[in-house]
């Protein structure tokens, strides 16, 4: 079942929890009044008390109906609701002994809720309202009358029991409900911080994408010129076999660069039309490995694959393959020898791990990796891991780096099977 509570604002969740507190308190108050009425131990002004209970039930019901509307629950509205609870509690205490009523300490429950969930200005106003009500009840209230002198000891016992019951209820409300309300506020702040971080990352990506688009447009002409010149050089020095190998490699690299630029255009067009071709996971993985090794022929590596159940099919966006290439290039930069690459899958995740034999990542740098323009290499822009993390995070995955005990770095790229990438 889908948990919809995380889609609600903290104030709406807290108002819903406050409604549950109100129901419990209203039931307790009504039960106490019914018990006193039938026991005939005390003489109370039943008419105003009944009117207050009915009015509270009506307002609580309207609050529940209000929660069904899409209007946002603001902090001001939540403070007004708590203020009403304090006012109602003061009126009930006025007709039931004022400050001598053991339930006078219930003032602390709304104040605790306010302190845990609202800005300090609202807490200050509500504290002043509660203090004013408590002070007024020291002077103006309807004293309790008990029939018969012999019941005075019983009245004292009832007072002590009421104090215990008030403490028990207040402690339960604060422990169970208030802690959850405070957690809802913390969760909302964390979500807001996450949204701000995502917005900042998207702005950085947009800036990088704009620069990349301009660079890709400008690189087309010099790459074509280089390709023509390399072809002419191969014809001119056809008798020098050692030079032919180097020229062939250069020509292949230029062709790869031109193919990468072409694939960017095709990927953008396919993304615009939402046409991503489905292929087997292993086919996509080996294609990325082959492209990377063509770019980095100096690397030596071994790869394997294994998984639980049937190998899934994948509909990879272009940036996902580029993310894997960036991670492979980072591992090659660390140490080009003896790279170990593993593809694995189960019912929940598809993971690709890359183990290099380099020096590892210093701890003071590891915390900054994944941010733009942060790099452990003497040269480079520090964008590879940032772009990889951004692309993988967009599809619900993650990129993590670990320092291995025997030396080197383990890079893990994990993708959720439940995402739209797999079928």
Protein backbone atom coordinates (compact mmCIF):
# COMPACT_ATOMS: atom_id res chain seq x y z
CA UNK A 1 0.00 0.00 0.00
CA UNK A 2 1.28 3.46 -0.88
CA UNK A 3 2.21 5.61 2.10
CA UNK A 4 0.55 8.94 1.32
CA UNK A 5 1.59 10.66 4.56
CA UNK A 6 4.95 11.68 3.08
CA UNK A 7 3.14 13.70 0.40
CA UNK A 8 1.35 15.82 3.04
CA UNK A 9 2.77 18.99 4.54
CA UNK A 10 4.01 18.84 8.12
CA UNK A 11 1.25 21.21 9.31
CA UNK A 12 -1.45 19.05 7.71
CA UNK A 13 -0.03 15.88 9.27
CA UNK A 14 0.21 17.58 12.66
CA UNK A 15 -3.36 18.90 12.48
CA UNK A 16 -4.51 15.36 11.74
CA UNK A 17 -2.62 14.08 14.79
CA UNK A 18 -4.05 16.94 16.87
CA UNK A 19 -7.52 15.77 15.83
CA UNK A 20 -6.75 12.33 17.26
CA UNK A 21 -5.60 13.93 20.52
CA UNK A 22 -8.83 15.93 20.63
CA UNK A 23 -10.93 12.81 20.15
CA UNK A 24 -9.17 11.04 23.01
CA UNK A 25 -9.43 14.07 25.29
CA UNK A 26 -13.09 14.64 24.40
CA UNK A 27 -13.91 11.01 25.15
CA UNK A 28 -12.07 11.24 28.48
CA UNK A 29 -13.87 14.46 29.45
CA UNK A 30 -17.27 13.12 28.44
CA UNK A 31 -16.67 9.84 30.30
CA UNK A 32 -15.62 11.70 33.44
CA UNK A 33 -18.69 13.95 33.37
CA UNK A 34 -20.99 10.95 32.84
CA UNK A 35 -19.39 9.12 35.78
CA UNK A 36 -19.77 12.18 38.05
CA UNK A 37 -23.38 12.69 36.93
CA UNK A 38 -24.52 9.18 37.74
CA UNK A 39 -22.48 8.91 40.96
CA UNK A 40 -24.07 12.15 42.24
CA UNK A 41 -20.93 12.95 44.23
CA UNK A 42 -20.54 16.48 42.87
CA UNK A 43 -22.93 19.23 41.91
CA UNK A 44 -21.85 20.77 38.62
CA UNK A 45 -23.40 23.31 36.22
CA UNK A 46 -24.43 20.66 33.71
CA UNK A 47 -26.03 22.95 31.11
CA UNK A 48 -22.92 25.03 30.24
CA UNK A 49 -20.69 21.95 30.45
CA UNK A 50 -22.90 20.05 28.01
CA UNK A 51 -22.96 23.06 25.70
CA UNK A 52 -19.15 23.26 25.73
CA UNK A 53 -18.78 19.54 24.99
CA UNK A 54 -21.23 19.75 22.07
CA UNK A 55 -19.52 22.89 20.70
CA UNK A 56 -16.10 21.18 20.93
CA UNK A 57 -17.44 18.09 19.12
CA UNK A 58 -18.85 20.27 16.34
CA UNK A 59 -15.64 22.24 15.87
CA UNK A 60 -13.52 19.07 15.91
CA UNK A 61 -15.79 17.55 13.26
CA UNK A 62 -15.46 20.66 11.10
CA UNK A 63 -11.67 20.41 11.44
CA UNK A 64 -11.74 16.83 10.17
CA UNK A 65 -13.89 17.91 7.22
CA UNK A 66 -11.53 20.81 6.60
CA UNK A 67 -8.63 18.35 6.27
CA UNK A 68 -10.39 16.79 3.27
CA UNK A 69 -10.02 20.07 1.37
CA UNK A 70 -6.93 20.87 -0.68
CA UNK A 71 -6.31 24.19 1.04
CA UNK A 72 -2.85 24.21 2.60
CA UNK A 73 -2.68 24.10 6.39
CA UNK A 74 -0.54 27.06 7.42
CA UNK A 75 1.38 27.46 10.65
CA UNK A 76 -0.94 30.33 11.58
CA UNK A 77 -4.00 28.11 11.23
CA UNK A 78 -2.38 25.39 13.32
CA UNK A 79 -1.58 27.98 16.02
CA UNK A 80 -5.25 29.13 15.96
CA UNK A 81 -6.35 25.52 16.47
CA UNK A 82 -4.07 25.19 19.49
CA UNK A 83 -5.33 28.52 20.83
CA UNK A 84 -8.91 27.24 20.60
CA UNK A 85 -7.91 24.15 22.59
CA UNK A 86 -6.45 26.37 25.32
CA UNK A 87 -9.62 28.50 25.40
CA UNK A 88 -11.91 25.48 25.58
CA UNK A 89 -9.80 23.95 28.33
CA UNK A 90 -9.99 27.20 30.31
CA UNK A 91 -13.81 27.33 30.02
CA UNK A 92 -14.19 23.72 31.14
CA UNK A 93 -11.91 24.36 34.11
CA UNK A 94 -13.92 27.47 35.03
CA UNK A 95 -17.03 25.34 35.62
CA UNK A 96 -15.14 22.47 37.32
CA UNK A 97 -13.08 24.02 40.09
CA UNK A 98 -10.68 26.29 38.24
CA UNK A 99 -7.04 25.95 39.30
CA UNK A 100 -8.02 23.38 41.94
CA UNK A 101 -8.95 20.93 39.19
CA UNK A 102 -6.10 18.42 38.75
CA UNK A 103 -6.46 18.62 34.97
CA UNK A 104 -5.22 22.22 34.97
CA UNK A 105 -1.77 20.86 34.09
CA UNK A 106 -3.12 19.83 30.68
CA UNK A 107 -2.22 23.37 29.61
CA UNK A 108 1.28 21.99 29.03
CA UNK A 109 0.23 19.63 26.22
CA UNK A 110 -0.80 22.31 23.65
CA UNK A 111 2.22 24.38 24.67
CA UNK A 112 4.54 21.40 24.13
CA UNK A 113 3.00 20.82 20.71
CA UNK A 114 3.50 24.48 19.80
CA UNK A 115 7.12 24.48 20.99
CA UNK A 116 7.90 21.36 18.95
CA UNK A 117 6.18 22.32 15.70
CA UNK A 118 5.75 26.11 15.41
CA UNK A 119 8.06 29.15 15.20
CA UNK A 120 8.90 30.75 18.52
CA UNK A 121 6.58 33.73 18.03
CA UNK A 122 3.51 31.44 17.97
CA UNK A 123 4.78 29.53 20.99
CA UNK A 124 5.26 32.82 22.84
CA UNK A 125 1.70 33.98 22.11
CA UNK A 126 0.18 30.64 23.09
CA UNK A 127 2.25 30.57 26.30
CA UNK A 128 0.90 34.02 27.17
CA UNK A 129 -2.65 32.83 26.48
CA UNK A 130 -2.19 29.76 28.69
CA UNK A 131 -0.61 31.79 31.49
CA UNK A 132 -3.44 34.32 31.32
CA UNK A 133 -6.03 31.54 31.54
CA UNK A 134 -4.29 29.83 34.45
CA UNK A 135 -3.94 33.14 36.34
CA UNK A 136 -7.61 34.00 35.78
CA UNK A 137 -8.65 30.58 37.09
CA UNK A 138 -6.87 31.33 40.36
CA UNK A 139 -9.41 34.13 40.93
CA UNK A 140 -12.57 33.36 38.96
CA UNK A 141 -14.02 29.86 38.88
CA UNK A 142 -17.01 27.81 40.01
CA UNK A 143 -15.93 25.90 43.12
CA UNK A 144 -16.75 22.21 43.41
CA UNK A 145 -19.54 21.28 45.81
CA UNK A 146 -19.76 17.84 47.36
CA UNK A 147 -22.86 16.48 49.06
CA UNK A 148 -22.15 15.33 52.58
CA UNK A 149 -19.23 15.87 54.94
CA UNK A 150 -18.34 12.20 54.86
CA UNK A 151 -17.26 12.48 51.21
CA UNK A 152 -14.46 14.99 51.84
CA UNK A 153 -11.82 12.26 52.09
CA UNK A 154 -13.16 10.75 48.89
CA UNK A 155 -12.85 14.14 47.20
CA UNK A 156 -9.18 14.29 48.17
CA UNK A 157 -8.63 10.79 46.80
CA UNK A 158 -10.38 11.76 43.55
CA UNK A 159 -8.17 14.84 43.31
CA UNK A 160 -5.02 12.74 43.67
CA UNK A 161 -6.28 10.20 41.18
CA UNK A 162 -7.12 13.01 38.76
CA UNK A 163 -3.58 14.37 39.08
CA UNK A 164 -2.17 10.94 38.28
CA UNK A 165 -4.52 10.46 35.35
CA UNK A 166 -3.71 13.90 33.96
CA UNK A 167 0.01 13.18 34.19
CA UNK A 168 -0.42 9.78 32.51
CA UNK A 169 -2.48 11.20 29.64
CA UNK A 170 -0.20 14.20 29.17
CA UNK A 171 2.91 11.99 29.15
CA UNK A 172 1.30 9.64 26.62
CA UNK A 173 0.27 12.48 24.32
CA UNK A 174 3.66 14.15 24.49
CA UNK A 175 5.60 10.90 24.02
CA UNK A 176 3.53 9.47 21.17
CA UNK A 177 1.95 12.37 19.32
CA UNK A 178 4.28 15.31 19.94
CA UNK A 179 7.38 13.31 19.03
CA UNK A 180 5.73 12.36 15.74
CA UNK A 181 4.74 15.98 15.09
CA UNK A 182 8.29 17.14 15.66
CA UNK A 183 9.57 14.39 13.37
CA UNK A 184 7.14 15.51 10.65
CA UNK A 185 8.57 19.04 10.86
CA UNK A 186 12.13 17.69 10.66
CA UNK A 187 11.26 15.50 7.69
CA UNK A 188 9.72 18.46 5.87
CA UNK A 189 12.83 20.55 6.48
CA UNK A 190 15.00 17.72 5.15
CA UNK A 191 12.81 17.45 2.05
CA UNK A 192 13.04 21.20 1.50
CA UNK A 193 16.82 21.04 1.85
CA UNK A 194 16.89 18.16 -0.64
CA UNK A 195 14.75 20.12 -3.09
CA UNK A 196 17.05 23.13 -2.77
CA UNK A 197 20.07 20.91 -3.40
CA UNK A 198 18.40 19.35 -6.44
CA UNK A 199 17.52 22.79 -7.80
CA UNK A 200 21.12 23.94 -7.34
CA UNK A 201 22.39 20.80 -9.04
CA UNK A 202 19.96 21.30 -11.93
CA UNK A 203 21.19 24.87 -12.34
CA UNK A 204 24.77 23.63 -12.44
CA UNK A 205 23.83 20.95 -14.96
CA UNK A 206 22.06 23.50 -17.14
CA UNK A 207 25.11 25.73 -17.13
CA UNK A 208 27.38 22.80 -18.01
CA UNK A 209 24.94 21.59 -20.70
CA UNK A 210 24.89 25.03 -22.31
CA UNK A 211 28.68 25.12 -22.44
CA UNK A 212 28.80 21.55 -23.74
CA UNK A 213 26.31 22.29 -26.51
CA UNK A 214 28.41 25.24 -27.67
CA UNK A 215 31.62 23.20 -27.49
CA UNK A 216 30.05 20.30 -29.42
CA UNK A 217 28.99 22.70 -32.18
CA UNK A 218 32.47 24.19 -32.40
CA UNK A 219 34.30 20.84 -32.38
CA UNK A 220 32.63 19.54 -35.51
CA UNK A 221 34.75 21.58 -37.94
CA UNK A 222 38.23 20.89 -36.47
CA UNK A 223 37.44 17.17 -36.15
CA UNK A 224 36.49 17.02 -39.82
CA UNK A 225 39.73 18.86 -40.72
CA UNK A 226 41.78 16.46 -38.59
CA UNK A 227 40.10 13.46 -40.23
CA UNK A 228 40.96 14.72 -43.73
CA UNK A 229 44.58 15.50 -42.77
CA UNK A 230 45.06 12.10 -41.14
CA UNK A 231 43.78 10.41 -44.28
CA UNK A 232 46.23 12.36 -46.40
CA UNK A 233 49.10 11.57 -44.00
CA UNK A 234 48.33 7.85 -44.20
CA UNK A 235 48.52 8.00 -48.00
CA UNK A 236 51.68 10.12 -48.00
CA UNK A 237 53.57 7.90 -45.54
CA UNK A 238 52.13 4.56 -46.59
CA UNK A 239 55.61 2.98 -46.60
CA UNK A 240 56.30 3.74 -42.89
CA UNK A 241 54.51 0.95 -41.05
CA UNK A 242 55.28 2.14 -37.51
CA UNK A 243 53.84 5.59 -38.30
CA UNK A 244 50.83 3.99 -40.00
CA UNK A 245 49.82 2.33 -36.72
CA UNK A 246 49.93 5.64 -34.86
CA UNK A 247 48.03 7.44 -37.62
CA UNK A 248 45.42 4.69 -37.67
CA UNK A 249 44.97 5.03 -33.93
CA UNK A 250 44.62 8.81 -34.22
CA UNK A 251 42.13 8.43 -37.04
CA UNK A 252 40.13 5.97 -34.98
CA UNK A 253 40.10 8.40 -32.04
CA UNK A 254 38.90 11.23 -34.27
CA UNK A 255 36.19 8.97 -35.67
CA UNK A 256 35.16 8.12 -32.14
CA UNK A 257 34.92 11.81 -31.21
CA UNK A 258 32.81 12.52 -34.27
CA UNK A 259 30.61 9.55 -33.43
CA UNK A 260 30.18 10.81 -29.88
CA UNK A 261 29.04 14.22 -31.13
CA UNK A 262 26.68 12.54 -33.58
CA UNK A 263 25.26 10.33 -30.85
CA UNK A 264 24.58 13.41 -28.73
CA UNK A 265 22.40 14.83 -31.48
CA UNK A 266 20.64 11.50 -32.05
CA UNK A 267 20.12 10.99 -28.30
CA UNK A 268 18.65 14.46 -27.91
CA UNK A 269 16.29 13.79 -30.81
CA UNK A 270 15.28 10.39 -29.39
CA UNK A 271 14.75 11.91 -25.96
CA UNK A 272 12.60 14.64 -27.48
CA UNK A 273 10.48 12.01 -29.21
CA UNK A 274 10.69 9.72 -26.17
CA UNK A 275 12.03 6.91 -28.36
CA UNK A 276 14.59 4.91 -26.37
CA UNK A 277 15.44 1.53 -27.83
CA UNK A 278 15.15 -1.49 -25.54
CA UNK A 279 18.06 -3.92 -25.45
CA UNK A 280 19.42 -6.61 -23.20
CA UNK A 281 21.36 -5.50 -20.17
CA UNK A 282 24.46 -7.42 -21.23
CA UNK A 283 24.35 -5.95 -24.75
CA UNK A 284 24.25 -2.40 -23.39
CA UNK A 285 26.98 -3.18 -20.85
CA UNK A 286 29.36 -4.70 -23.42
CA UNK A 287 28.71 -1.83 -25.83
CA UNK A 288 29.75 0.65 -23.13
CA UNK A 289 32.85 -1.44 -22.33
CA UNK A 290 33.86 -1.57 -26.00
CA UNK A 291 33.39 2.18 -26.46
CA UNK A 292 35.45 2.86 -23.35
CA UNK A 293 38.29 0.53 -24.40
CA UNK A 294 38.37 2.17 -27.82
CA UNK A 295 38.87 5.49 -26.03
CA UNK A 296 41.37 4.08 -23.54
CA UNK A 297 43.30 1.31 -25.34
CA UNK A 298 46.03 1.38 -22.70
CA UNK A 299 43.70 -0.11 -20.08
CA UNK A 300 43.82 -3.80 -19.21
CA UNK A 301 40.71 -5.25 -17.67
CA UNK A 302 38.58 -8.30 -17.03
CA UNK A 303 34.82 -8.28 -16.65
CA UNK A 304 32.20 -10.78 -15.55
CA UNK A 305 28.48 -10.85 -14.99
CA UNK A 306 26.15 -12.83 -12.78
CA UNK A 307 22.75 -12.35 -11.24
CA UNK A 308 19.65 -13.79 -9.65
CA UNK A 309 16.82 -14.69 -11.97
CA UNK A 310 16.37 -13.64 -15.59
CA UNK A 311 18.61 -10.92 -16.95
CA UNK A 312 16.48 -7.78 -17.36
CA UNK A 313 16.12 -5.72 -20.50
CA UNK A 314 17.03 -2.04 -20.32
CA UNK A 315 15.93 1.15 -22.05
CA UNK A 316 19.02 3.27 -21.37
CA UNK A 317 19.05 7.02 -21.94
CA UNK A 318 22.22 8.32 -23.53
CA UNK A 319 23.42 9.99 -20.33
CA UNK A 320 23.40 6.66 -18.47
CA UNK A 321 25.96 5.16 -20.85
CA UNK A 322 28.01 8.34 -20.57
CA UNK A 323 27.90 8.04 -16.78
CA UNK A 324 29.37 4.53 -16.95
CA UNK A 325 32.07 5.76 -19.37
CA UNK A 326 32.98 8.55 -16.94
CA UNK A 327 33.36 6.09 -14.07
CA UNK A 328 35.47 3.76 -16.21
CA UNK A 329 37.67 6.67 -17.27
CA UNK A 330 38.12 7.74 -13.65
CA UNK A 331 39.22 4.21 -12.75
CA UNK A 332 41.62 4.18 -15.71
CA UNK A 333 43.08 7.51 -14.64
CA UNK A 334 43.72 6.07 -11.18
CA UNK A 335 45.45 2.96 -12.56
CA UNK A 336 45.07 1.58 -16.08
CA UNK A 337 46.27 -1.92 -15.18
CA UNK A 338 44.19 -4.87 -13.97
CA UNK A 339 40.77 -3.25 -13.75
CA UNK A 340 38.03 -5.60 -12.54
CA UNK A 341 34.49 -4.89 -13.74
CA UNK A 342 31.43 -6.81 -12.56
CA UNK A 343 27.80 -6.61 -13.65
CA UNK A 344 25.26 -8.07 -11.22
CA UNK A 345 21.50 -8.03 -10.74
CA UNK A 346 18.79 -9.32 -8.44
CA UNK A 347 15.08 -8.62 -7.99
CA UNK A 348 15.68 -5.12 -6.60
CA UNK A 349 18.92 -3.74 -8.05
CA UNK A 350 21.25 -3.79 -11.03
CA UNK A 351 24.78 -2.96 -9.91
CA UNK A 352 28.03 -2.38 -11.81
CA UNK A 353 31.23 -2.40 -9.75
CA UNK A 354 34.62 -1.18 -10.94
CA UNK A 355 37.76 -2.02 -8.94
CA UNK A 356 41.03 -0.27 -9.74
CA UNK A 357 44.50 -0.69 -8.25
CA UNK A 358 45.22 3.00 -7.72
CA UNK A 359 46.11 4.93 -4.61
CA UNK A 360 42.51 5.31 -3.42
CA UNK A 361 40.63 8.48 -2.53
CA UNK A 362 41.95 10.66 0.33
CA UNK A 363 39.39 11.07 3.10
CA UNK A 364 39.50 14.87 3.01
CA UNK A 365 38.65 14.75 -0.70
CA UNK A 366 36.11 11.91 -0.57
CA UNK A 367 33.50 14.12 1.14
CA UNK A 368 33.70 16.65 -1.72
CA UNK A 369 33.60 14.19 -4.62
CA UNK A 370 30.49 14.41 -6.74
CA UNK A 371 30.45 18.20 -6.57
CA UNK A 372 31.37 20.14 -9.71
CA UNK A 373 35.01 21.06 -10.29
CA UNK A 374 36.27 18.77 -7.49
CA UNK A 375 38.91 16.30 -8.70
CA UNK A 376 41.69 14.14 -7.30
CA UNK A 377 43.67 14.38 -10.53
CA UNK A 378 46.25 17.01 -11.31
CA UNK A 379 44.45 17.75 -14.55
CA UNK A 380 40.79 17.56 -15.46
CA UNK A 381 37.70 19.61 -14.78
CA UNK A 382 36.22 17.52 -12.00
CA UNK A 383 32.94 17.10 -13.84
CA UNK A 384 32.90 13.38 -14.61
CA UNK A 385 31.70 12.09 -11.25
CA UNK A 386 29.37 15.05 -10.79
CA UNK A 387 27.65 14.41 -14.12
CA UNK A 388 27.53 10.67 -13.46
CA UNK A 389 25.91 11.13 -10.06
CA UNK A 390 23.42 13.63 -11.44
CA UNK A 391 22.40 11.34 -14.32
CA UNK A 392 22.12 8.23 -12.16
CA UNK A 393 20.22 10.06 -9.40
CA UNK A 394 17.62 11.21 -11.95
CA UNK A 395 16.61 7.57 -12.51
CA UNK A 396 16.62 6.71 -8.80
CA UNK A 397 20.08 5.15 -8.64
CA UNK A 398 23.29 5.94 -6.78
CA UNK A 399 27.06 6.14 -7.32
CA UNK A 400 29.35 5.31 -4.40
CA UNK A 401 33.11 5.10 -3.98
CA UNK A 402 34.93 2.96 -1.39
CA UNK A 403 38.59 2.70 -0.47
CA UNK A 404 39.60 -0.98 -0.46
CA UNK A 405 41.76 -2.49 2.27
CA UNK A 406 44.25 -3.91 -0.19
CA UNK A 407 44.58 -0.59 -2.01
CA UNK A 408 42.62 0.92 -4.83
CA UNK A 409 39.06 2.17 -5.14
CA UNK A 410 35.78 0.32 -5.62
CA UNK A 411 33.18 2.28 -7.57
CA UNK A 412 29.56 1.08 -7.49
CA UNK A 413 26.78 2.20 -9.82
CA UNK A 414 23.40 0.85 -8.68
CA UNK A 415 20.06 1.18 -10.47
CA UNK A 416 16.64 0.16 -9.09
CA UNK A 417 14.80 -2.59 -10.99
CA UNK A 418 11.48 -0.84 -10.23
CA UNK A 419 12.42 2.18 -12.36
CA UNK A 420 11.28 2.75 -15.95
CA UNK A 421 14.72 1.72 -17.19
CA UNK A 422 14.04 -2.00 -16.90
CA UNK A 423 11.41 -4.43 -18.05
